[in-house]
C-alpha atoms as a PDB file:
ATOM      1  CA  UNK A   1       2.373  -9.096 -18.537  1.00  0.00           C
ATOM      2  CA  UNK A   2       2.059  -6.734 -15.566  1.00  0.00           C
ATOM      3  CA  UNK A   3       2.769  -9.551 -13.139  1.00  0.00           C
ATOM      4  CA  UNK A   4       5.929 -10.350 -15.114  1.00  0.00           C
ATOM      5  CA  UNK A   5       6.992  -6.705 -14.826  1.00  0.00           C
ATOM      6  CA  UNK A   6       6.426  -6.821 -11.048  1.00  0.00           C
ATOM      7  CA  UNK A   7       8.538  -9.941 -10.563  1.00  0.00           C
ATOM      8  CA  UNK A   8      11.231  -8.526 -12.857  1.00  0.00           C
ATOM      9  CA  UNK A   9      11.312  -5.361 -10.753  1.00  0.00           C
ATOM     10  CA  UNK A  10      11.462  -7.421  -7.565  1.00  0.00           C
ATOM     11  CA  UNK A  11      14.381  -9.407  -8.975  1.00  0.00           C
ATOM     12  CA  UNK A  12      16.209  -6.186  -9.900  1.00  0.00           C
ATOM     13  CA  UNK A  13      15.612  -4.816  -6.390  1.00  0.00           C
ATOM     14  CA  UNK A  14      17.148  -7.886  -4.757  1.00  0.00           C
ATOM     15  CA  UNK A  15      19.952  -7.989  -7.343  1.00  0.00           C
ATOM     16  CA  UNK A  16      20.807  -4.367  -6.541  1.00  0.00           C
ATOM     17  CA  UNK A  17      21.022  -5.301  -2.886  1.00  0.00           C
ATOM     18  CA  UNK A  18      23.392  -8.165  -3.630  1.00  0.00           C
ATOM     19  CA  UNK A  19      25.530  -5.954  -5.884  1.00  0.00           C
ATOM     20  CA  UNK A  20      25.900  -3.151  -3.342  1.00  0.00           C
ATOM     21  CA  UNK A  21      25.678  -5.149  -0.129  1.00  0.00           C
ATOM     22  CA  UNK A  22      28.575  -3.240   1.442  1.00  0.00           C
ATOM     23  CA  UNK A  23      26.444  -0.050   1.418  1.00  0.00           C
ATOM     24  CA  UNK A  24      22.903  -1.372   1.438  1.00  0.00           C
ATOM     25  CA  UNK A  25      20.803  -3.895   3.282  1.00  0.00           C
ATOM     26  CA  UNK A  26      17.722  -5.530   1.861  1.00  0.00           C
ATOM     27  CA  UNK A  27      15.347  -8.421   1.967  1.00  0.00           C
ATOM     28  CA  UNK A  28      11.772  -9.560   1.539  1.00  0.00           C
ATOM     29  CA  UNK A  29       8.479  -8.725   3.227  1.00  0.00           C
ATOM     30  CA  UNK A  30       4.987 -10.133   3.609  1.00  0.00           C
ATOM     31  CA  UNK A  31       1.926  -8.990   5.472  1.00  0.00           C
ATOM     32  CA  UNK A  32      -1.778  -8.254   5.512  1.00  0.00           C
ATOM     33  CA  UNK A  33      -3.549  -5.044   4.509  1.00  0.00           C
ATOM     34  CA  UNK A  34      -6.880  -3.931   5.988  1.00  0.00           C
ATOM     35  CA  UNK A  35      -8.402  -1.312   3.718  1.00  0.00           C
ATOM     36  CA  UNK A  36     -11.357   0.903   2.978  1.00  0.00           C
ATOM     37  CA  UNK A  37     -12.167   3.483   0.316  1.00  0.00           C
ATOM     38  CA  UNK A  38     -12.997   6.942   1.643  1.00  0.00           C
ATOM     39  CA  UNK A  39     -15.950   8.363  -0.277  1.00  0.00           C
ATOM     40  CA  UNK A  40     -17.709   5.105  -1.237  1.00  0.00           C
ATOM     41  CA  UNK A  41     -20.517   5.487   1.352  1.00  0.00           C
ATOM     42  CA  UNK A  42     -19.102   2.621   3.418  1.00  0.00           C
ATOM     43  CA  UNK A  43     -16.819   2.646   6.437  1.00  0.00           C
ATOM     44  CA  UNK A  44     -14.477   0.339   8.284  1.00  0.00           C
ATOM     45  CA  UNK A  45     -11.270  -1.474   7.399  1.00  0.00           C
ATOM     46  CA  UNK A  46     -13.219  -4.549   6.320  1.00  0.00           C
ATOM     47  CA  UNK A  47     -11.373  -5.458   3.125  1.00  0.00           C
ATOM     48  CA  UNK A  48      -8.441  -7.811   3.843  1.00  0.00           C
ATOM     49  CA  UNK A  49      -5.663  -8.372   1.337  1.00  0.00           C
ATOM     50  CA  UNK A  50      -2.081  -9.512   0.868  1.00  0.00           C
ATOM     51  CA  UNK A  51       0.957  -7.237   0.768  1.00  0.00           C
ATOM     52  CA  UNK A  52       4.404  -8.542  -0.146  1.00  0.00           C
ATOM     53  CA  UNK A  53       7.593  -7.920  -2.070  1.00  0.00           C
ATOM     54  CA  UNK A  54      11.165  -6.819  -1.481  1.00  0.00           C
ATOM     55  CA  UNK A  55      13.088  -3.843  -0.154  1.00  0.00           C
ATOM     56  CA  UNK A  56      16.462  -2.149  -0.053  1.00  0.00           C
ATOM     57  CA  UNK A  57      17.625   0.316   2.624  1.00  0.00           C
ATOM     58  CA  UNK A  58      20.585   2.637   3.108  1.00  0.00           C
ATOM     59  CA  UNK A  59      21.814   4.078   6.405  1.00  0.00           C
ATOM     60  CA  UNK A  60      22.514   7.736   5.622  1.00  0.00           C
ATOM     61  CA  UNK A  61      23.436   8.912   9.138  1.00  0.00           C
ATOM     62  CA  UNK A  62      23.378   7.538  12.642  1.00  0.00           C
ATOM     63  CA  UNK A  63      19.741   6.607  13.393  1.00  0.00           C
ATOM     64  CA  UNK A  64      18.582   7.733   9.920  1.00  0.00           C
ATOM     65  CA  UNK A  65      17.761   5.312   7.082  1.00  0.00           C
ATOM     66  CA  UNK A  66      16.273   5.562   3.601  1.00  0.00           C
ATOM     67  CA  UNK A  67      14.226   2.603   2.425  1.00  0.00           C
ATOM     68  CA  UNK A  68      12.602   1.744  -0.896  1.00  0.00           C
ATOM     69  CA  UNK A  69      10.158  -1.144  -1.324  1.00  0.00           C
ATOM     70  CA  UNK A  70       8.695  -2.857  -4.351  1.00  0.00           C
ATOM     71  CA  UNK A  71       5.382  -4.415  -3.345  1.00  0.00           C
ATOM     72  CA  UNK A  72       2.246  -6.083  -4.616  1.00  0.00           C
ATOM     73  CA  UNK A  73      -0.649  -4.756  -2.514  1.00  0.00           C
ATOM     74  CA  UNK A  74      -4.322  -5.709  -2.498  1.00  0.00           C
ATOM     75  CA  UNK A  75      -6.583  -2.770  -1.594  1.00  0.00           C
ATOM     76  CA  UNK A  76     -10.245  -1.865  -1.931  1.00  0.00           C
ATOM     77  CA  UNK A  77     -13.530  -2.015  -0.055  1.00  0.00           C
ATOM     78  CA  UNK A  78     -15.961  -4.659   1.207  1.00  0.00           C
ATOM     79  CA  UNK A  79     -19.286  -3.974   2.918  1.00  0.00           C
ATOM     80  CA  UNK A  80     -22.576  -5.651   3.804  1.00  0.00           C
ATOM     81  CA  UNK A  81     -25.577  -3.467   4.637  1.00  0.00           C
ATOM     82  CA  UNK A  82     -28.579  -4.158   6.876  1.00  0.00           C
ATOM     83  CA  UNK A  83     -30.407  -5.846   3.977  1.00  0.00           C
ATOM     84  CA  UNK A  84     -27.443  -8.185   3.377  1.00  0.00           C
ATOM     85  CA  UNK A  85     -26.478  -6.442   0.153  1.00  0.00           C
ATOM     86  CA  UNK A  86     -22.792  -7.100  -0.459  1.00  0.00           C
ATOM     87  CA  UNK A  87     -20.498  -4.614  -2.195  1.00  0.00           C
ATOM     88  CA  UNK A  88     -16.881  -5.368  -3.057  1.00  0.00           C
ATOM     89  CA  UNK A  89     -14.137  -3.403  -4.785  1.00  0.00           C
ATOM     90  CA  UNK A  90     -10.896  -5.329  -5.312  1.00  0.00           C
ATOM     91  CA  UNK A  91      -7.865  -3.282  -6.350  1.00  0.00           C
ATOM     92  CA  UNK A  92      -4.468  -4.814  -7.091  1.00  0.00           C
ATOM     93  CA  UNK A  93      -1.468  -2.487  -7.199  1.00  0.00           C
ATOM     94  CA  UNK A  94       2.254  -2.598  -7.775  1.00  0.00           C
ATOM     95  CA  UNK A  95       3.565  -0.041  -5.319  1.00  0.00           C
ATOM     96  CA  UNK A  96       6.925   1.655  -4.706  1.00  0.00           C
ATOM     97  CA  UNK A  97       7.163   3.345  -1.283  1.00  0.00           C
ATOM     98  CA  UNK A  98      10.146   5.584  -0.482  1.00  0.00           C
ATOM     99  CA  UNK A  99      10.508   6.115   3.260  1.00  0.00           C
ATOM    100  CA  UNK A 100      12.667   8.070   5.677  1.00  0.00           C
ATOM    101  CA  UNK A 101      13.155   6.143   8.935  1.00  0.00           C
ATOM    102  CA  UNK A 102      14.408   7.400  12.301  1.00  0.00           C
ATOM    103  CA  UNK A 103      15.442   5.291  15.298  1.00  0.00           C
ATOM    104  CA  UNK A 104      13.956   7.571  17.982  1.00  0.00           C
ATOM    105  CA  UNK A 105      13.866   5.375  21.112  1.00  0.00           C
ATOM    106  CA  UNK A 106      15.753   2.160  21.845  1.00  0.00           C
ATOM    107  CA  UNK A 107      14.683  -0.166  19.005  1.00  0.00           C
ATOM    108  CA  UNK A 108      11.604   1.818  17.959  1.00  0.00           C
ATOM    109  CA  UNK A 109      11.798   3.280  14.453  1.00  0.00           C
ATOM    110  CA  UNK A 110       9.416   5.909  13.063  1.00  0.00           C
ATOM    111  CA  UNK A 111       8.913   6.196   9.309  1.00  0.00           C
ATOM    112  CA  UNK A 112       7.287   8.589   6.880  1.00  0.00           C
ATOM    113  CA  UNK A 113       7.274   8.850   3.122  1.00  0.00           C
ATOM    114  CA  UNK A 114       5.444   8.737  -0.171  1.00  0.00           C
ATOM    115  CA  UNK A 115       4.373   5.830  -2.320  1.00  0.00           C
ATOM    116  CA  UNK A 116       3.568   5.654  -6.022  1.00  0.00           C
ATOM    117  CA  UNK A 117       1.195   2.893  -7.093  1.00  0.00           C
ATOM    118  CA  UNK A 118       0.119   1.468 -10.449  1.00  0.00           C
ATOM    119  CA  UNK A 119      -3.248  -0.271 -10.745  1.00  0.00           C
ATOM    120  CA  UNK A 120      -2.695  -3.602 -12.501  1.00  0.00           C
ATOM    121  CA  UNK A 121      -6.170  -5.154 -12.123  1.00  0.00           C
ATOM    122  CA  UNK A 122      -9.505  -4.545 -10.447  1.00  0.00           C
ATOM    123  CA  UNK A 123     -13.007  -5.937 -10.022  1.00  0.00           C
ATOM    124  CA  UNK A 124     -16.137  -4.293  -8.639  1.00  0.00           C
ATOM    125  CA  UNK A 125     -19.295  -6.216  -7.712  1.00  0.00           C
ATOM    126  CA  UNK A 126     -22.626  -5.675  -5.989  1.00  0.00           C
ATOM    127  CA  UNK A 127     -24.524  -8.795  -4.912  1.00  0.00           C
ATOM    128  CA  UNK A 128     -22.359 -10.792  -7.337  1.00  0.00           C
ATOM    129  CA  UNK A 129     -23.273  -8.513 -10.257  1.00  0.00           C
ATOM    130  CA  UNK A 130     -20.139  -7.425 -12.077  1.00  0.00           C
ATOM    131  CA  UNK A 131     -19.880  -3.614 -12.165  1.00  0.00           C
ATOM    132  CA  UNK A 132     -16.284  -3.472 -13.383  1.00  0.00           C
ATOM    133  CA  UNK A 133     -17.060  -2.240 -16.896  1.00  0.00           C
ATOM    134  CA  UNK A 134     -19.970   0.066 -16.030  1.00  0.00           C
ATOM    135  CA  UNK A 135     -18.632   1.926 -12.975  1.00  0.00           C
ATOM    136  CA  UNK A 136     -16.739   5.221 -13.310  1.00  0.00           C
ATOM    137  CA  UNK A 137     -13.153   4.785 -14.459  1.00  0.00           C
ATOM    138  CA  UNK A 138     -10.391   4.231 -11.906  1.00  0.00           C
ATOM    139  CA  UNK A 139      -7.104   6.106 -12.023  1.00  0.00           C
ATOM    140  CA  UNK A 140      -4.170   4.001 -13.197  1.00  0.00           C
ATOM    141  CA  UNK A 141      -1.639   5.870 -11.020  1.00  0.00           C
ATOM    142  CA  UNK A 142      -1.892   7.001  -7.420  1.00  0.00           C
ATOM    143  CA  UNK A 143       0.307   8.699  -4.814  1.00  0.00           C
ATOM    144  CA  UNK A 144      -0.116   8.063  -1.088  1.00  0.00           C
ATOM    145  CA  UNK A 145       1.290   9.372   2.182  1.00  0.00           C
ATOM    146  CA  UNK A 146       2.655   6.703   4.526  1.00  0.00           C
ATOM    147  CA  UNK A 147       3.434   6.947   8.239  1.00  0.00           C
ATOM    148  CA  UNK A 148       4.416   4.019  10.392  1.00  0.00           C
ATOM    149  CA  UNK A 149       6.361   2.340  13.150  1.00  0.00           C
ATOM    150  CA  UNK A 150       8.908  -0.490  13.074  1.00  0.00           C
ATOM    151  CA  UNK A 151      10.395  -2.743  15.736  1.00  0.00           C
ATOM    152  CA  UNK A 152      13.260  -5.202  15.093  1.00  0.00           C
ATOM    153  CA  UNK A 153      12.763  -8.739  16.422  1.00  0.00           C
ATOM    154  CA  UNK A 154      16.349  -9.901  16.318  1.00  0.00           C
ATOM    155  CA  UNK A 155      19.002  -9.757  13.609  1.00  0.00           C
ATOM    156  CA  UNK A 156      16.826 -10.657  10.624  1.00  0.00           C
ATOM    157  CA  UNK A 157      13.148 -10.010  11.413  1.00  0.00           C
ATOM    158  CA  UNK A 158      11.405  -6.638  11.800  1.00  0.00           C
ATOM    159  CA  UNK A 159       7.764  -5.971  12.650  1.00  0.00           C
ATOM    160  CA  UNK A 160       6.340  -3.135  10.553  1.00  0.00           C
ATOM    161  CA  UNK A 161       3.073  -1.198  10.902  1.00  0.00           C
ATOM    162  CA  UNK A 162       1.980   1.413   8.357  1.00  0.00           C
ATOM    163  CA  UNK A 163      -0.996   3.672   7.734  1.00  0.00           C
ATOM    164  CA  UNK A 164      -1.409   4.793   4.132  1.00  0.00           C
ATOM    165  CA  UNK A 165      -3.804   7.351   2.675  1.00  0.00           C
ATOM    166  CA  UNK A 166      -4.176   8.519  -0.911  1.00  0.00           C
ATOM    167  CA  UNK A 167      -3.177  12.062  -1.755  1.00  0.00           C
ATOM    168  CA  UNK A 168      -4.757  11.675  -5.191  1.00  0.00           C
ATOM    169  CA  UNK A 169      -8.240  10.340  -5.888  1.00  0.00           C
ATOM    170  CA  UNK A 170      -8.564   6.836  -7.273  1.00  0.00           C
ATOM    171  CA  UNK A 171     -11.872   7.847  -8.883  1.00  0.00           C
ATOM    172  CA  UNK A 172     -13.264  11.315  -9.570  1.00  0.00           C
ATOM    173  CA  UNK A 173     -16.887  12.261  -8.967  1.00  0.00           C
ATOM    174  CA  UNK A 174     -19.238  14.628  -7.174  1.00  0.00           C
ATOM    175  CA  UNK A 175     -20.698  15.070  -3.702  1.00  0.00           C
ATOM    176  CA  UNK A 176     -24.006  13.694  -5.005  1.00  0.00           C
ATOM    177  CA  UNK A 177     -22.445  10.224  -5.119  1.00  0.00           C
ATOM    178  CA  UNK A 178     -21.066  10.517  -1.599  1.00  0.00           C
ATOM    179  CA  UNK A 179     -17.537  11.300  -2.754  1.00  0.00           C
ATOM    180  CA  UNK A 180     -15.416  13.324  -0.343  1.00  0.00           C
ATOM    181  CA  UNK A 181     -13.584  16.573  -1.023  1.00  0.00           C
ATOM    182  CA  UNK A 182      -9.820  16.597  -0.690  1.00  0.00           C
ATOM    183  CA  UNK A 183      -7.462  19.298  -1.982  1.00  0.00           C
ATOM    184  CA  UNK A 184     -10.432  21.073  -3.547  1.00  0.00           C
ATOM    185  CA  UNK A 185     -11.692  18.092  -5.593  1.00  0.00           C
ATOM    186  CA  UNK A 186     -14.270  15.383  -4.982  1.00  0.00           C
ATOM    187  CA  UNK A 187     -13.252  11.765  -5.299  1.00  0.00           C
ATOM    188  CA  UNK A 188     -12.615   8.397  -3.680  1.00  0.00           C
ATOM    189  CA  UNK A 189      -9.375   7.638  -1.840  1.00  0.00           C
ATOM    190  CA  UNK A 190      -7.577   4.507  -0.692  1.00  0.00           C
ATOM    191  CA  UNK A 191      -7.147   4.240   3.066  1.00  0.00           C
ATOM    192  CA  UNK A 192      -5.385   1.233   4.577  1.00  0.00           C
ATOM    193  CA  UNK A 193      -3.484  -0.222   7.516  1.00  0.00           C
ATOM    194  CA  UNK A 194      -0.720  -2.733   6.860  1.00  0.00           C
ATOM    195  CA  UNK A 195       0.956  -5.172   9.250  1.00  0.00           C
ATOM    196  CA  UNK A 196       4.059  -6.813   7.789  1.00  0.00           C
ATOM    197  CA  UNK A 197       7.086  -8.858   8.707  1.00  0.00           C
ATOM    198  CA  UNK A 198      10.375  -7.921   7.041  1.00  0.00           C
ATOM    199  CA  UNK A 199      13.201 -10.416   6.661  1.00  0.00           C
ATOM    200  CA  UNK A 200      16.712  -9.070   6.175  1.00  0.00           C
ATOM    201  CA  UNK A 201      18.850 -11.185   3.854  1.00  0.00           C
END
């Protein structure tokens, strides 16, 4: 059901672009996300996942653009310790970033904004043991800060790099579990780097 909602939203995003093409531009995107979870006692962007969806953008002034995406993003954590114990947390989100972009030098475009994400599925394992139903509950909604850089590669393609970090915890806890403190509360937080290619329709 949630996947149907995502594809319906993606269709509406692209339909809106077609309907208002004189004012907006839009297209599709696909890329790879390298992620970690801050506060899970592991480190490194060792969890790889897919990121893809659609976008619409509006030029509001010379060099300034607003862009909204609708994306499916795979986040989480993956780690192997010195004893070959394997931990994995797979998080699948439908995400809606809203970004302000500025063409600051030649073709280089800086971007900053916020993203709201809805958790649609997840799985947590340790040495193949399923911990999904026994681990502390994960938040269904999450807000992240995004900063990034873009570079057009011709008329239709644009290279896009983003760093995203949760402003809200994805799981609440205490310092005893290794959780980190942010905005006065202990928790775990998504942290990821995303490389994508955007195609303008």
